[in-house]
Amino acid sequence: MAIILSIDTSTKSGSVALVQNQQVIGSQQYNIDKSHSSLLHVMIDQLMTNTGISLKEVDAIAISEGPGSYTGLRIGTSAAKGLCYSLDIPLVAVNTLEGMAYQVHKYAPQVDMYAPMIDARRMEVYTALFNAKFECVSETEPMIINETSFAKELEGNKILFFGDGAAKCQASIQHPNALFIGDVHPCAVDMGILGERKYDQSLFENVVSFEPFYLKEFRLATAKK
């Protein structure tokens, strides 16, 4: 059975995990405001040591492809590509919002739709919609939130909103069918489980040409004098 090493650096929270046969062998996570570049490889080394598994036993790398932090996604992708090259193993990519939806879908109360949200600054979020069967019904997109957001969908559906972008939407989206839960972050565990499914279907990325799913172009601000 394949062993998948999964990496998530799509937001401020970073994590790594080892998954086999849809079960978690081990995982590590941090939620501190520090660069992923200084912690990621250390966490991978610690994970391999703690689980007693060597990198040579890993069959594939699963990466959170985005959307999310431009810098974080680049750091995670660079690490994943380096491991794939050195170990000569395939790369699989999982949409960050899909991983978040899977995480909540496993334990949340029954609702009609799940709306993971990643903060994209100001009143903008990255979001998508998944139904109760964990099927994507609205593709990933950037959205500026106001009082009319999701009005049509909320008319006949209870929608659960979560993620670091959902908190700032709660004051705007006040429909009685809108439900909110906190403390949900992208996690390598869920990326690994979904990544293993893609591995079993041989849905591999081209390691040379793969780029993260930024969704928006990176903008470099000019420093004010």
Protein backbone atom coordinates (compact mmCIF):
# COMPACT_ATOMS: atom_id res chain seq x y z
CA MET A 1 0.00 0.00 0.00
CA ALA A 2 1.28 3.46 -0.93
CA ILE A 3 2.68 5.85 1.67
CA ILE A 4 1.88 9.50 0.92
CA LEU A 5 3.82 12.41 2.40
CA SER A 6 1.54 15.47 2.29
CA ILE A 7 2.48 19.13 2.69
CA ASP A 8 0.28 22.16 3.35
CA THR A 9 1.70 25.69 3.44
CA SER A 10 -1.25 27.50 1.85
CA THR A 11 -1.92 29.76 4.85
CA LYS A 12 -0.15 30.90 8.01
CA SER A 13 -0.83 27.47 9.48
CA GLY A 14 1.59 24.84 8.15
CA SER A 15 1.49 21.05 8.42
CA VAL A 16 2.90 17.78 7.13
CA ALA A 17 1.49 14.24 7.37
CA LEU A 18 2.08 10.64 6.37
CA VAL A 19 -0.97 8.74 5.12
CA GLN A 20 -1.39 5.11 4.13
CA ASN A 21 -4.59 3.28 3.20
CA GLN A 22 -6.66 6.38 4.14
CA GLN A 23 -5.23 6.26 7.67
CA VAL A 24 -2.91 8.79 9.28
CA ILE A 25 0.48 7.37 10.28
CA GLY A 26 1.65 10.65 11.77
CA SER A 27 1.34 14.42 11.41
CA GLN A 28 2.82 17.67 12.64
CA GLN A 29 1.38 21.17 12.53
CA TYR A 30 2.23 24.70 13.60
CA ASN A 31 0.08 27.81 13.91
CA ILE A 32 2.67 30.51 14.45
CA ASP A 33 3.43 33.61 12.43
CA LYS A 34 6.78 32.43 11.10
CA SER A 35 8.10 31.71 7.63
CA HIS A 36 7.38 28.22 6.33
CA SER A 37 10.87 28.15 4.85
CA SER A 38 12.45 27.96 8.31
CA LEU A 39 10.14 25.25 9.66
CA LEU A 40 8.94 23.02 6.83
CA HIS A 41 11.98 20.81 6.28
CA VAL A 42 12.57 20.56 10.04
CA MET A 43 9.00 19.30 10.48
CA ILE A 44 9.40 16.77 7.69
CA ASP A 45 12.58 15.43 9.29
CA GLN A 46 10.87 15.21 12.69
CA LEU A 47 7.86 13.46 11.20
CA MET A 48 10.00 10.81 9.53
CA THR A 49 11.98 10.27 12.73
CA ASN A 50 8.88 10.05 14.92
CA THR A 51 7.13 7.55 12.63
CA GLY A 52 10.24 5.45 11.94
CA ILE A 53 9.66 5.75 8.19
CA SER A 54 12.40 6.84 5.81
CA LEU A 55 11.88 9.12 2.84
CA LYS A 56 12.89 6.22 0.57
CA GLU A 57 9.69 4.42 1.65
CA VAL A 58 7.45 7.27 0.50
CA ASP A 59 5.57 6.57 -2.75
CA ALA A 60 4.31 10.07 -3.58
CA ILE A 61 4.15 13.66 -2.38
CA ALA A 62 0.76 15.36 -2.01
CA ILE A 63 0.73 19.14 -2.04
CA SER A 64 -1.95 21.68 -1.20
CA GLU A 65 -2.09 23.48 -4.56
CA GLY A 66 -3.98 26.58 -3.45
CA PRO A 67 -5.60 28.99 -3.41
CA GLY A 68 -3.85 30.67 -0.52
CA SER A 69 -0.75 32.64 0.38
CA TYR A 70 1.45 33.30 -2.66
CA THR A 71 4.68 32.92 -0.67
CA GLY A 72 3.45 29.94 1.31
CA LEU A 73 2.34 28.07 -1.80
CA ARG A 74 5.68 28.67 -3.51
CA ILE A 75 7.61 27.37 -0.49
CA GLY A 76 5.49 24.23 -0.25
CA THR A 77 5.66 23.58 -3.99
CA SER A 78 9.44 24.01 -4.08
CA ALA A 79 9.84 21.54 -1.23
CA ALA A 80 7.47 19.04 -2.85
CA LYS A 81 9.20 19.26 -6.23
CA GLY A 82 12.61 18.82 -4.63
CA LEU A 83 11.46 15.67 -2.86
CA CYS A 84 9.85 14.28 -6.03
CA TYR A 85 13.02 14.87 -8.02
CA SER A 86 15.38 13.40 -5.44
CA LEU A 87 13.19 10.37 -4.67
CA ASP A 88 11.92 9.89 -8.25
CA ILE A 89 8.29 9.70 -7.11
CA PRO A 90 5.09 11.34 -8.44
CA LEU A 91 3.44 14.56 -7.30
CA VAL A 92 -0.29 14.90 -6.66
CA ALA A 93 -2.05 18.21 -5.98
CA VAL A 94 -5.21 18.86 -3.96
CA ASN A 95 -7.27 22.05 -3.99
CA THR A 96 -6.92 23.76 -0.59
CA LEU A 97 -10.64 24.51 -0.29
CA GLU A 98 -11.51 20.92 -1.17
CA GLY A 99 -9.27 19.73 1.65
CA MET A 100 -10.94 22.11 4.11
CA ALA A 101 -14.39 20.98 3.00
CA TYR A 102 -13.42 17.33 3.45
CA GLN A 103 -12.11 18.08 6.94
CA VAL A 104 -15.43 19.60 8.05
CA HIS A 105 -17.63 17.19 6.06
CA LYS A 106 -16.26 14.30 8.14
CA TYR A 107 -17.68 15.52 11.45
CA ALA A 108 -19.95 18.55 10.96
CA PRO A 109 -23.71 18.38 11.53
CA GLN A 110 -25.73 17.60 8.42
CA VAL A 111 -26.14 20.69 6.26
CA ASP A 112 -26.96 21.19 2.59
CA MET A 113 -23.73 22.89 1.56
CA TYR A 114 -20.23 23.58 2.82
CA ALA A 115 -18.46 26.87 2.07
CA PRO A 116 -14.76 26.90 2.96
CA MET A 117 -13.25 30.41 2.91
CA ILE A 118 -9.66 31.64 2.86
CA ASP A 119 -9.00 35.27 3.73
CA ALA A 120 -7.86 37.24 0.66
CA ARG A 121 -7.67 40.59 2.52
CA ARG A 122 -10.24 43.34 3.01
CA MET A 123 -13.70 41.87 2.32
CA GLU A 124 -12.48 39.41 -0.31
CA VAL A 125 -12.22 35.65 0.16
CA TYR A 126 -11.34 32.58 -1.86
CA THR A 127 -14.28 30.22 -1.69
CA ALA A 128 -16.16 27.31 -3.27
CA LEU A 129 -19.33 25.36 -2.52
CA PHE A 130 -19.67 21.63 -1.86
CA ASN A 131 -22.94 19.78 -1.35
CA ALA A 132 -23.78 17.21 1.33
CA LYS A 133 -22.32 14.44 -0.86
CA PHE A 134 -18.97 16.30 -0.99
CA GLU A 135 -19.49 17.22 -4.64
CA CYS A 136 -18.24 20.60 -5.84
CA VAL A 137 -21.26 22.64 -6.97
CA SER A 138 -19.54 26.02 -7.32
CA GLU A 139 -15.94 26.22 -8.47
CA THR A 140 -13.17 28.01 -6.61
CA GLU A 141 -13.29 31.78 -7.07
CA PRO A 142 -12.33 35.06 -5.42
CA MET A 143 -15.39 36.82 -4.03
CA ILE A 144 -16.01 40.22 -2.43
CA ILE A 145 -18.45 39.63 0.40
CA ASN A 146 -21.47 41.83 1.07
CA GLU A 147 -25.02 41.42 2.40
CA THR A 148 -26.22 39.82 -0.86
CA SER A 149 -23.48 37.17 -1.07
CA PHE A 150 -24.87 33.61 -1.42
CA ALA A 151 -28.43 35.00 -1.26
CA LYS A 152 -29.73 32.65 -3.96
CA GLU A 153 -28.04 29.55 -2.50
CA LEU A 154 -29.20 30.36 1.05
CA GLU A 155 -32.87 30.56 0.06
CA GLY A 156 -33.26 26.80 -0.03
CA ASN A 157 -30.13 25.50 1.67
CA LYS A 158 -28.42 25.54 5.03
CA ILE A 159 -24.82 26.51 4.31
CA LEU A 160 -21.94 26.05 6.74
CA PHE A 161 -19.20 28.70 6.40
CA PHE A 162 -15.72 28.13 7.86
CA GLY A 163 -12.07 29.03 7.48
CA ASP A 164 -10.13 32.19 8.30
CA GLY A 165 -12.15 34.10 5.70
CA ALA A 166 -15.52 33.20 7.20
CA ALA A 167 -15.20 35.18 10.44
CA LYS A 168 -15.17 38.55 8.68
CA CYS A 169 -18.23 37.52 6.61
CA GLN A 170 -20.44 36.73 9.58
CA ALA A 171 -21.56 40.35 10.02
CA SER A 172 -22.50 40.62 6.34
CA ILE A 173 -24.12 37.23 5.73
CA GLN A 174 -26.98 37.17 8.23
CA HIS A 175 -29.47 34.86 6.55
CA PRO A 176 -31.00 32.34 9.03
CA ASN A 177 -29.69 29.47 6.86
CA ALA A 178 -26.11 30.69 7.20
CA LEU A 179 -24.16 28.78 9.86
CA PHE A 180 -20.59 29.48 10.98
CA ILE A 181 -17.92 27.49 12.79
CA GLY A 182 -14.45 28.66 13.75
CA ASP A 183 -10.95 27.25 14.08
CA VAL A 184 -10.80 25.44 10.73
CA HIS A 185 -7.49 25.60 8.88
CA PRO A 186 -6.08 23.74 5.88
CA CYS A 187 -4.40 20.55 7.09
CA ALA A 188 -1.92 18.14 5.52
CA VAL A 189 -3.86 15.18 6.95
CA ASP A 190 -6.86 15.87 4.74
CA MET A 191 -4.63 16.74 1.77
CA GLY A 192 -2.90 13.39 2.23
CA ILE A 193 -6.13 11.38 2.34
CA LEU A 194 -7.48 13.09 -0.78
CA GLY A 195 -4.03 12.90 -2.35
CA GLU A 196 -3.91 9.14 -1.84
CA ARG A 197 -7.18 8.81 -3.75
CA LYS A 198 -5.67 10.75 -6.66
CA TYR A 199 -2.54 8.59 -6.45
CA ASP A 200 -4.67 5.44 -6.74
CA GLN A 201 -6.16 6.90 -9.94
CA SER A 202 -2.71 7.89 -11.26
CA LEU A 203 -3.75 11.55 -11.34
CA PHE A 204 -0.20 12.89 -11.22
CA GLU A 205 1.12 16.38 -11.89
CA ASN A 206 4.00 17.19 -14.21
CA VAL A 207 6.75 17.92 -11.71
CA VAL A 208 8.56 20.21 -14.16
CA SER A 209 5.64 22.42 -15.17
CA PHE A 210 3.38 22.30 -12.10
CA GLU A 211 2.53 25.68 -10.61
CA PRO A 212 0.37 26.43 -7.57
CA PHE A 213 -3.21 27.61 -8.05
CA TYR A 214 -2.73 31.25 -7.05
CA LEU A 215 -6.15 32.36 -8.34
CA LYS A 216 -4.95 35.98 -8.33
CA GLU A 217 -1.73 37.52 -9.58
CA PHE A 218 0.86 38.43 -6.98
CA ARG A 219 1.10 42.18 -6.44
CA LEU A 220 4.24 43.76 -5.02
CA ALA A 221 3.51 46.92 -3.05
CA THR A 222 5.82 49.90 -3.41
CA ALA A 223 7.32 51.00 -0.12
CA LYS A 224 6.25 54.44 1.06
CA LYS A 225 9.06 56.86 1.84
